[in-house]
Amino acid sequence: MSRCLAMGASGAIFHANYWRNRLLTLRDCGLSHTQDVAVQSLLSDLVECH
């Protein structure tokens, strides 16, 4: 989270959106349940950044 703050608001939002799109693409490719849970927790962490 501190890394997001260091980048500044706009940088953090761009970074979070980029990774959210990457993760959603990976999830759509078909992940196991365990991987899907991991992706969801990563997404929630990204949302908390901004």
PDB file of N, CA and C in Angstrom:
ATOM      1  N   MET A   1       0.831  -1.200   0.000  1.00  0.00           N
ATOM      2  CA  MET A   1       0.000   0.000   0.000  1.00  0.00           C
ATOM      3  C   MET A   1       0.870   1.255   0.000  1.00  0.00           C
ATOM      4  N   SER A   2       1.958   1.251   0.767  1.00  0.00           N
ATOM      5  CA  SER A   2       2.832   2.419   0.789  1.00  0.00           C
ATOM      6  C   SER A   2       3.419   2.678  -0.591  1.00  0.00           C
ATOM      7  N   ARG A   3       3.607   1.608  -1.363  1.00  0.00           N
ATOM      8  CA  ARG A   3       4.137   1.771  -2.713  1.00  0.00           C
ATOM      9  C   ARG A   3       3.153   2.563  -3.570  1.00  0.00           C
ATOM     10  N   CYS A   4       1.870   2.304  -3.398  1.00  0.00           N
ATOM     11  CA  CYS A   4       0.849   3.045  -4.146  1.00  0.00           C
ATOM     12  C   CYS A   4       0.899   4.521  -3.782  1.00  0.00           C
ATOM     13  N   LEU A   5       1.029   4.810  -2.512  1.00  0.00           N
ATOM     14  CA  LEU A   5       1.056   6.198  -2.067  1.00  0.00           C
ATOM     15  C   LEU A   5       2.284   6.905  -2.607  1.00  0.00           C
ATOM     16  N   ALA A   6       3.395   6.192  -2.711  1.00  0.00           N
ATOM     17  CA  ALA A   6       4.629   6.793  -3.203  1.00  0.00           C
ATOM     18  C   ALA A   6       4.509   7.198  -4.670  1.00  0.00           C
ATOM     19  N   MET A   7       3.718   6.476  -5.426  1.00  0.00           N
ATOM     20  CA  MET A   7       3.563   6.777  -6.845  1.00  0.00           C
ATOM     21  C   MET A   7       2.687   7.999  -7.091  1.00  0.00           C
ATOM     22  N   GLY A   8       1.910   8.388  -6.105  1.00  0.00           N
ATOM     23  CA  GLY A   8       0.963   9.472  -6.314  1.00  0.00           C
ATOM     24  C   GLY A   8      -0.366   8.905  -6.775  1.00  0.00           C
ATOM     25  N   ALA A   9      -1.422   9.671  -6.595  1.00  0.00           N
ATOM     26  CA  ALA A   9      -2.776   9.172  -6.850  1.00  0.00           C
ATOM     27  C   ALA A   9      -2.979   8.698  -8.283  1.00  0.00           C
ATOM     28  N   SER A  10      -2.627   9.520  -9.266  1.00  0.00           N
ATOM     29  CA  SER A  10      -2.902   9.140 -10.653  1.00  0.00           C
ATOM     30  C   SER A  10      -2.089   7.916 -11.054  1.00  0.00           C
ATOM     31  N   GLY A  11      -0.838   7.859 -10.616  1.00  0.00           N
ATOM     32  CA  GLY A  11      -0.002   6.706 -10.922  1.00  0.00           C
ATOM     33  C   GLY A  11      -0.559   5.439 -10.294  1.00  0.00           C
ATOM     34  N   ALA A  12      -1.031   5.549  -9.065  1.00  0.00           N
ATOM     35  CA  ALA A  12      -1.571   4.387  -8.368  1.00  0.00           C
ATOM     36  C   ALA A  12      -2.828   3.875  -9.056  1.00  0.00           C
ATOM     37  N   ILE A  13      -3.684   4.801  -9.471  1.00  0.00           N
ATOM     38  CA  ILE A  13      -4.927   4.406 -10.132  1.00  0.00           C
ATOM     39  C   ILE A  13      -4.621   3.734 -11.465  1.00  0.00           C
ATOM     40  N   PHE A  14      -3.691   4.294 -12.228  1.00  0.00           N
ATOM     41  CA  PHE A  14      -3.311   3.686 -13.500  1.00  0.00           C
ATOM     42  C   PHE A  14      -2.751   2.296 -13.268  1.00  0.00           C
ATOM     43  N   HIS A  15      -1.869   2.174 -12.288  1.00  0.00           N
ATOM     44  CA  HIS A  15      -1.229   0.899 -11.992  1.00  0.00           C
ATOM     45  C   HIS A  15      -2.265  -0.141 -11.563  1.00  0.00           C
ATOM     46  N   ALA A  16      -3.192   0.274 -10.703  1.00  0.00           N
ATOM     47  CA  ALA A  16      -4.227  -0.642 -10.225  1.00  0.00           C
ATOM     48  C   ALA A  16      -5.118  -1.095 -11.373  1.00  0.00           C
ATOM     49  N   ASN A  17      -5.497  -0.162 -12.244  1.00  0.00           N
ATOM     50  CA  ASN A  17      -6.347  -0.526 -13.378  1.00  0.00           C
ATOM     51  C   ASN A  17      -5.630  -1.482 -14.317  1.00  0.00           C
ATOM     52  N   TYR A  18      -4.341  -1.231 -14.541  1.00  0.00           N
ATOM     53  CA  TYR A  18      -3.549  -2.102 -15.408  1.00  0.00           C
ATOM     54  C   TYR A  18      -3.527  -3.522 -14.864  1.00  0.00           C
ATOM     55  N   TRP A  19      -3.224  -3.661 -13.581  1.00  0.00           N
ATOM     56  CA  TRP A  19      -3.138  -5.001 -13.006  1.00  0.00           C
ATOM     57  C   TRP A  19      -4.504  -5.652 -12.881  1.00  0.00           C
ATOM     58  N   ARG A  20      -5.529  -4.846 -12.627  1.00  0.00           N
ATOM     59  CA  ARG A  20      -6.872  -5.425 -12.547  1.00  0.00           C
ATOM     60  C   ARG A  20      -7.249  -6.026 -13.894  1.00  0.00           C
ATOM     61  N   ASN A  21      -6.940  -5.312 -14.975  1.00  0.00           N
ATOM     62  CA  ASN A  21      -7.236  -5.841 -16.304  1.00  0.00           C
ATOM     63  C   ASN A  21      -6.437  -7.100 -16.588  1.00  0.00           C
ATOM     64  N   ARG A  22      -5.170  -7.115 -16.211  1.00  0.00           N
ATOM     65  CA  ARG A  22      -4.333  -8.301 -16.405  1.00  0.00           C
ATOM     66  C   ARG A  22      -4.909  -9.490 -15.639  1.00  0.00           C
ATOM     67  N   LEU A  23      -5.297  -9.240 -14.384  1.00  0.00           N
ATOM     68  CA  LEU A  23      -5.804 -10.322 -13.549  1.00  0.00           C
ATOM     69  C   LEU A  23      -7.142 -10.840 -14.054  1.00  0.00           C
ATOM     70  N   LEU A  24      -8.005  -9.927 -14.504  1.00  0.00           N
ATOM     71  CA  LEU A  24      -9.295 -10.356 -15.032  1.00  0.00           C
ATOM     72  C   LEU A  24      -9.108 -11.177 -16.297  1.00  0.00           C
ATOM     73  N   THR A  25      -8.137 -10.796 -17.126  1.00  0.00           N
ATOM     74  CA  THR A  25      -7.848 -11.563 -18.338  1.00  0.00           C
ATOM     75  C   THR A  25      -7.386 -12.958 -17.965  1.00  0.00           C
ATOM     76  N   LEU A  26      -6.503 -13.048 -16.990  1.00  0.00           N
ATOM     77  CA  LEU A  26      -6.017 -14.352 -16.539  1.00  0.00           C
ATOM     78  C   LEU A  26      -7.165 -15.193 -16.005  1.00  0.00           C
ATOM     79  N   ARG A  27      -8.043 -14.558 -15.246  1.00  0.00           N
ATOM     80  CA  ARG A  27      -9.154 -15.296 -14.657  1.00  0.00           C
ATOM     81  C   ARG A  27     -10.081 -15.822 -15.747  1.00  0.00           C
ATOM     82  N   ASP A  28     -10.296 -15.010 -16.793  1.00  0.00           N
ATOM     83  CA  ASP A  28     -11.168 -15.432 -17.883  1.00  0.00           C
ATOM     84  C   ASP A  28     -10.578 -16.601 -18.663  1.00  0.00           C
ATOM     85  N   CYS A  29      -9.255 -16.750 -18.600  1.00  0.00           N
ATOM     86  CA  CYS A  29      -8.603 -17.859 -19.301  1.00  0.00           C
ATOM     87  C   CYS A  29      -8.863 -19.182 -18.593  1.00  0.00           C
ATOM     88  N   GLY A  30      -9.416 -19.126 -17.415  1.00  0.00           N
ATOM     89  CA  GLY A  30      -9.757 -20.346 -16.708  1.00  0.00           C
ATOM     90  C   GLY A  30      -8.757 -20.679 -15.619  1.00  0.00           C
ATOM     91  N   LEU A  31      -9.019 -20.220 -14.422  1.00  0.00           N
ATOM     92  CA  LEU A  31      -8.149 -20.513 -13.296  1.00  0.00           C
ATOM     93  C   LEU A  31      -8.832 -21.511 -12.377  1.00  0.00           C
ATOM     94  N   SER A  32      -8.024 -22.183 -11.590  1.00  0.00           N
ATOM     95  CA  SER A  32      -8.587 -23.066 -10.581  1.00  0.00           C
ATOM     96  C   SER A  32      -9.233 -22.211  -9.491  1.00  0.00           C
ATOM     97  N   HIS A  33      -9.999 -22.837  -8.623  1.00  0.00           N
ATOM     98  CA  HIS A  33     -10.681 -22.089  -7.566  1.00  0.00           C
ATOM     99  C   HIS A  33      -9.674 -21.376  -6.672  1.00  0.00           C
ATOM    100  N   THR A  34      -8.576 -22.044  -6.343  1.00  0.00           N
ATOM    101  CA  THR A  34      -7.558 -21.442  -5.475  1.00  0.00           C
ATOM    102  C   THR A  34      -6.967 -20.201  -6.112  1.00  0.00           C
ATOM    103  N   GLN A  35      -6.675 -20.283  -7.404  1.00  0.00           N
ATOM    104  CA  GLN A  35      -6.122 -19.132  -8.107  1.00  0.00           C
ATOM    105  C   GLN A  35      -7.142 -18.000  -8.171  1.00  0.00           C
ATOM    106  N   ASP A  36      -8.404 -18.347  -8.370  1.00  0.00           N
ATOM    107  CA  ASP A  36      -9.451 -17.334  -8.440  1.00  0.00           C
ATOM    108  C   ASP A  36      -9.552 -16.576  -7.117  1.00  0.00           C
ATOM    109  N   VAL A  37      -9.464 -17.296  -6.004  1.00  0.00           N
ATOM    110  CA  VAL A  37      -9.505 -16.656  -4.687  1.00  0.00           C
ATOM    111  C   VAL A  37      -8.313 -15.719  -4.523  1.00  0.00           C
ATOM    112  N   ALA A  38      -7.141 -16.151  -4.984  1.00  0.00           N
ATOM    113  CA  ALA A  38      -5.944 -15.312  -4.889  1.00  0.00           C
ATOM    114  C   ALA A  38      -6.113 -14.036  -5.706  1.00  0.00           C
ATOM    115  N   VAL A  39      -6.680 -14.167  -6.903  1.00  0.00           N
ATOM    116  CA  VAL A  39      -6.920 -13.002  -7.754  1.00  0.00           C
ATOM    117  C   VAL A  39      -7.887 -12.044  -7.074  1.00  0.00           C
ATOM    118  N   GLN A  40      -8.946 -12.583  -6.481  1.00  0.00           N
ATOM    119  CA  GLN A  40      -9.918 -11.725  -5.801  1.00  0.00           C
ATOM    120  C   GLN A  40      -9.272 -10.949  -4.663  1.00  0.00           C
ATOM    121  N   SER A  41      -8.396 -11.596  -3.900  1.00  0.00           N
ATOM    122  CA  SER A  41      -7.756 -10.893  -2.790  1.00  0.00           C
ATOM    123  C   SER A  41      -6.808  -9.821  -3.311  1.00  0.00           C
ATOM    124  N   LEU A  42      -6.119 -10.101  -4.425  1.00  0.00           N
ATOM    125  CA  LEU A  42      -5.250  -9.091  -5.032  1.00  0.00           C
ATOM    126  C   LEU A  42      -6.065  -7.897  -5.511  1.00  0.00           C
ATOM    127  N   LEU A  43      -7.213  -8.173  -6.135  1.00  0.00           N
ATOM    128  CA  LEU A  43      -8.061  -7.090  -6.627  1.00  0.00           C
ATOM    129  C   LEU A  43      -8.550  -6.221  -5.476  1.00  0.00           C
ATOM    130  N   SER A  44      -8.932  -6.838  -4.375  1.00  0.00           N
ATOM    131  CA  SER A  44      -9.420  -6.046  -3.244  1.00  0.00           C
ATOM    132  C   SER A  44      -8.288  -5.200  -2.667  1.00  0.00           C
ATOM    133  N   ASP A  45      -7.058  -5.733  -2.665  1.00  0.00           N
ATOM    134  CA  ASP A  45      -5.908  -4.947  -2.211  1.00  0.00           C
ATOM    135  C   ASP A  45      -5.695  -3.744  -3.117  1.00  0.00           C
ATOM    136  N   LEU A  46      -5.833  -3.940  -4.435  1.00  0.00           N
ATOM    137  CA  LEU A  46      -5.636  -2.843  -5.379  1.00  0.00           C
ATOM    138  C   LEU A  46      -6.688  -1.758  -5.190  1.00  0.00           C
ATOM    139  N   VAL A  47      -7.923  -2.174  -4.945  1.00  0.00           N
ATOM    140  CA  VAL A  47      -9.000  -1.203  -4.745  1.00  0.00           C
ATOM    141  C   VAL A  47      -8.711  -0.347  -3.514  1.00  0.00           C
ATOM    142  N   GLU A  48      -8.157  -0.955  -2.467  1.00  0.00           N
ATOM    143  CA  GLU A  48      -7.856  -0.214  -1.245  1.00  0.00           C
ATOM    144  C   GLU A  48      -6.745   0.811  -1.457  1.00  0.00           C
ATOM    145  N   CYS A  49      -5.916   0.625  -2.474  1.00  0.00           N
ATOM    146  CA  CYS A  49      -4.822   1.558  -2.742  1.00  0.00           C
ATOM    147  C   CYS A  49      -5.334   2.948  -3.097  1.00  0.00           C
ATOM    148  N   HIS A  50      -6.465   3.027  -3.743  1.00  0.00           N
ATOM    149  CA  HIS A  50      -6.993   4.332  -4.137  1.00  0.00           C
ATOM    150  C   HIS A  50      -8.444   4.388  -3.795  1.00  0.00           C
TER     151      HIS A  50
END
